Amino acid sequence: MHEYLMIIVRTLFVYFLVLFVFRVMGKRELGELSILDVAVYVLIAEVAALALEDVDKPFFKSILPILLLFSIQYINAIFILKNKRLRDVIDGDPTIVVRDGVILENAMVKQRYNLDDLFQQMREQGVSSVQTISFAFLEQSGKLSIYLKDGPAFVLPIIVDGYLDLKHLRLIGKTEEWLEDELRAQGIYSVKRVFYACYEDGKLYVQLKSRKNSS
């Protein structure tokens, strides 16, 4: 009887612990999880299963790996929230695989993404022709985001969290000198002060960081 009671108590505790860990780690849909997220979730699930199976092992030792994984992921999330470059290294960056109706073969090879994958995801979104696509982005999660030529124009972010995206700047046909002039015209002399900036309808739109984060 005592053994069954211990199993029930351990099961309930692990259930609420895993629920708490996943809740604190943030709400994200399955298709939006990064590779790192998936790896951590799988590891936590495996450790939780072992904690329930091995009733002879001290309970704290069984759940200690869950607490360590949670701590690592939580600290990592804080760092990548504040650092765009670190975010790109860990989570990766979306890759343009189609631009103005042209499939970018080199980008697809680099991501090990083949034409069958592209056409399948196009069909899933009801897109029948590559020529109708303005931009198609392969997201970090493996999902394909498609923007059609006859749909709303996709606005590329130029500055994100204080970091200039040179790739996007070149895609819109602008230079760093142009951007510096535009920022100075708005009284901004450092990219680090900018939380978000984009070029839309012939105008640069800028949102500054809050004062406590702009230093």
Protein backbone atom coordinates (compact mmCIF):
# COMPACT_ATOMS: atom_id res chain seq x y z
CA MET A 1 0.00 0.00 0.00
CA HIS A 2 2.84 2.36 0.89
CA GLU A 3 4.52 1.66 -2.46
CA TYR A 4 1.35 2.51 -4.40
CA LEU A 5 0.94 5.70 -2.40
CA MET A 6 4.53 6.72 -3.24
CA ILE A 7 3.89 6.10 -6.94
CA ILE A 8 0.78 8.30 -6.82
CA VAL A 9 2.60 11.10 -4.96
CA ARG A 10 5.63 10.96 -7.32
CA THR A 11 3.38 10.96 -10.37
CA LEU A 12 1.40 13.96 -9.19
CA PHE A 13 4.53 15.87 -8.23
CA VAL A 14 6.28 15.17 -11.56
CA TYR A 15 3.11 16.09 -13.45
CA PHE A 16 2.80 19.49 -11.79
CA LEU A 17 6.57 20.08 -11.99
CA VAL A 18 6.66 19.43 -15.75
CA LEU A 19 3.50 21.52 -16.19
CA PHE A 20 5.15 24.39 -14.30
CA VAL A 21 8.40 24.08 -16.27
CA PHE A 22 6.64 24.14 -19.64
CA ARG A 23 4.42 27.01 -18.52
CA VAL A 24 7.35 29.17 -17.42
CA MET A 25 9.35 28.32 -20.55
CA GLY A 26 6.67 30.11 -22.58
CA LYS A 27 3.71 29.49 -24.86
CA ARG A 28 4.75 28.40 -28.33
CA GLU A 29 2.96 26.24 -30.86
CA LEU A 30 4.59 22.92 -31.75
CA GLY A 31 5.40 24.11 -35.27
CA GLU A 32 7.16 27.19 -33.90
CA LEU A 33 9.58 25.34 -31.63
CA SER A 34 13.26 25.70 -32.42
CA ILE A 35 15.59 22.69 -32.54
CA LEU A 36 16.89 23.63 -29.10
CA ASP A 37 13.33 23.82 -27.69
CA VAL A 38 12.48 20.38 -29.07
CA ALA A 39 15.68 18.86 -27.67
CA VAL A 40 15.03 20.27 -24.19
CA TYR A 41 11.37 19.19 -24.18
CA VAL A 42 12.27 15.65 -25.26
CA LEU A 43 14.98 15.42 -22.59
CA ILE A 44 12.59 16.66 -19.89
CA ALA A 45 9.97 14.11 -20.99
CA GLU A 46 12.54 11.30 -20.87
CA VAL A 47 13.79 12.32 -17.41
CA ALA A 48 10.20 12.58 -16.14
CA ALA A 49 9.47 9.08 -17.41
CA LEU A 50 12.55 7.70 -15.66
CA ALA A 51 11.59 9.49 -12.45
CA LEU A 52 8.24 7.69 -12.50
CA GLU A 53 9.66 4.29 -13.40
CA ASP A 54 12.56 4.10 -10.95
CA VAL A 55 10.74 4.31 -7.62
CA ASP A 56 13.77 3.01 -5.72
CA LYS A 57 15.94 5.96 -6.69
CA PRO A 58 15.88 9.00 -4.35
CA PHE A 59 13.18 11.29 -5.67
CA PHE A 60 15.26 14.46 -5.66
CA LYS A 61 17.96 12.79 -7.74
CA SER A 62 15.26 11.74 -10.22
CA ILE A 63 13.92 15.25 -10.72
CA LEU A 64 17.25 17.09 -10.45
CA PRO A 65 17.93 16.79 -14.23
CA ILE A 66 14.53 18.39 -14.92
CA LEU A 67 15.40 21.33 -12.68
CA LEU A 68 18.83 21.67 -14.33
CA LEU A 69 17.37 21.59 -17.87
CA PHE A 70 14.77 24.14 -16.87
CA SER A 71 17.42 26.43 -15.37
CA ILE A 72 19.64 26.18 -18.45
CA GLN A 73 16.75 26.88 -20.82
CA TYR A 74 15.41 29.74 -18.69
CA ILE A 75 18.81 31.47 -18.45
CA ASN A 76 19.36 30.89 -22.15
CA ALA A 77 15.98 32.48 -22.94
CA ILE A 78 16.92 35.59 -20.95
CA PHE A 79 20.21 35.96 -22.83
CA ILE A 80 18.75 35.45 -26.32
CA LEU A 81 15.87 37.82 -25.51
CA LYS A 82 18.40 40.62 -25.03
CA ASN A 83 20.86 39.65 -27.76
CA LYS A 84 19.78 39.40 -31.40
CA ARG A 85 23.08 37.93 -32.58
CA LEU A 86 22.99 35.21 -29.94
CA ARG A 87 19.37 34.53 -30.95
CA ASP A 88 20.44 34.00 -34.55
CA VAL A 89 23.28 31.66 -33.53
CA ILE A 90 21.08 29.49 -31.30
CA ASP A 91 17.72 29.60 -33.06
CA GLY A 92 18.94 30.32 -36.57
CA ASP A 93 17.65 32.89 -39.03
CA PRO A 94 14.85 32.59 -41.62
CA THR A 95 16.18 31.80 -45.10
CA ILE A 96 14.74 33.24 -48.31
CA VAL A 97 14.22 30.30 -50.69
CA VAL A 98 12.09 32.09 -53.31
CA ARG A 99 12.37 35.71 -54.38
CA ASP A 100 10.34 37.38 -57.13
CA GLY A 101 9.31 34.02 -58.56
CA VAL A 102 12.86 32.64 -58.65
CA ILE A 103 13.89 29.63 -56.57
CA LEU A 104 17.18 30.31 -54.80
CA GLU A 105 18.99 27.02 -55.33
CA ASN A 106 22.07 27.83 -53.23
CA ALA A 107 19.94 28.81 -50.23
CA MET A 108 17.96 25.57 -50.50
CA VAL A 109 21.10 23.44 -50.72
CA LYS A 110 22.56 25.20 -47.68
CA GLN A 111 19.42 24.39 -45.67
CA ARG A 112 19.16 20.84 -47.12
CA TYR A 113 15.70 21.76 -48.36
CA ASN A 114 14.63 20.16 -51.62
CA LEU A 115 12.07 20.96 -54.30
CA ASP A 116 9.67 18.27 -53.10
CA ASP A 117 9.59 19.95 -49.67
CA LEU A 118 9.00 23.34 -51.30
CA PHE A 119 6.17 22.15 -53.55
CA GLN A 120 4.50 20.21 -50.72
CA GLN A 121 4.42 23.27 -48.48
CA MET A 122 3.21 25.42 -51.36
CA ARG A 123 0.32 22.99 -51.94
CA GLU A 124 -0.52 23.02 -48.24
CA GLN A 125 -0.94 26.80 -48.46
CA GLY A 126 -2.87 26.70 -51.73
CA VAL A 127 -0.08 28.25 -53.82
CA SER A 128 0.07 26.65 -57.25
CA SER A 129 2.91 28.53 -58.95
CA VAL A 130 6.37 29.69 -57.89
CA GLN A 131 5.99 32.66 -60.25
CA THR A 132 3.21 34.09 -58.08
CA ILE A 133 5.53 34.29 -55.04
CA SER A 134 7.19 37.54 -54.02
CA PHE A 135 9.06 36.09 -51.03
CA ALA A 136 9.12 32.63 -49.46
CA PHE A 137 10.93 32.23 -46.15
CA LEU A 138 12.00 28.93 -44.66
CA GLU A 139 11.52 29.57 -40.96
CA GLN A 140 13.67 28.16 -38.14
CA SER A 141 10.89 25.68 -37.37
CA GLY A 142 10.93 24.32 -40.95
CA LYS A 143 7.66 26.05 -41.82
CA LEU A 144 7.44 27.93 -45.13
CA SER A 145 6.07 31.48 -45.00
CA ILE A 146 4.83 32.68 -48.38
CA TYR A 147 4.07 36.23 -49.57
CA LEU A 148 2.41 36.55 -52.96
CA LYS A 149 3.08 39.25 -55.54
CA ASP A 150 -0.58 40.27 -55.67
CA GLY A 151 -0.95 40.22 -51.88
CA PRO A 152 0.11 42.73 -49.23
CA ALA A 153 3.78 43.62 -49.56
CA PHE A 154 6.06 41.96 -47.06
CA VAL A 155 7.98 44.52 -45.04
CA LEU A 156 11.52 43.45 -44.18
CA PRO A 157 12.87 44.55 -40.79
CA ILE A 158 16.06 46.58 -41.21
CA ILE A 159 16.95 47.02 -37.55
CA VAL A 160 15.92 44.53 -34.87
CA ASP A 161 16.74 45.10 -31.21
CA GLY A 162 19.64 47.42 -31.97
CA TYR A 163 21.22 45.27 -34.69
CA LEU A 164 21.34 46.23 -38.36
CA ASP A 165 20.33 43.48 -40.81
CA LEU A 166 22.61 44.17 -43.79
CA LYS A 167 21.02 41.37 -45.81
CA HIS A 168 17.58 42.98 -45.59
CA LEU A 169 19.04 46.42 -46.26
CA ARG A 170 20.55 45.17 -49.51
CA LEU A 171 17.31 43.44 -50.49
CA ILE A 172 15.45 46.75 -50.46
CA GLY A 173 18.25 48.35 -52.49
CA LYS A 174 19.53 50.69 -49.78
CA THR A 175 22.95 51.36 -48.27
CA GLU A 176 24.27 51.94 -44.77
CA GLU A 177 24.96 55.56 -45.68
CA TRP A 178 21.32 56.03 -46.68
CA LEU A 179 20.17 54.50 -43.39
CA GLU A 180 22.51 56.72 -41.34
CA ASP A 181 21.19 59.81 -43.13
CA GLU A 182 17.58 58.75 -42.52
CA LEU A 183 18.22 58.10 -38.83
CA ARG A 184 20.02 61.42 -38.38
CA ALA A 185 17.06 63.18 -39.99
CA GLN A 186 14.96 61.76 -37.13
CA GLY A 187 17.51 62.77 -34.50
CA ILE A 188 18.88 59.26 -34.02
CA TYR A 189 22.66 58.86 -34.07
CA SER A 190 23.07 55.25 -32.97
CA VAL A 191 21.53 52.04 -34.30
CA LYS A 192 21.75 50.65 -30.76
CA ARG A 193 18.95 53.01 -29.70
CA VAL A 194 16.54 51.46 -32.21
CA PHE A 195 14.25 48.65 -31.14
CA TYR A 196 12.69 48.13 -34.58
CA ALA A 197 12.93 49.84 -37.96
CA CYS A 198 11.50 49.02 -41.38
CA TYR A 199 11.16 50.66 -44.79
CA GLU A 200 7.56 50.85 -45.95
CA ASP A 201 5.77 52.94 -48.59
CA GLY A 202 8.94 54.92 -49.29
CA LYS A 203 9.46 55.88 -45.66
CA LEU A 204 11.64 54.64 -42.80
CA TYR A 205 9.60 53.79 -39.72
CA VAL A 206 11.51 53.68 -36.44
CA GLN A 207 10.58 52.57 -32.94
CA LEU A 208 13.14 53.40 -30.26
CA LYS A 209 14.00 51.20 -27.31
CA SER A 210 12.55 52.15 -23.96
CA ARG A 211 14.89 54.45 -22.03
CA LYS A 212 15.94 51.80 -19.51
CA ASN A 213 17.05 49.48 -22.34
CA SER A 214 18.61 52.01 -24.71
CA SER A 215 21.94 52.44 -22.94
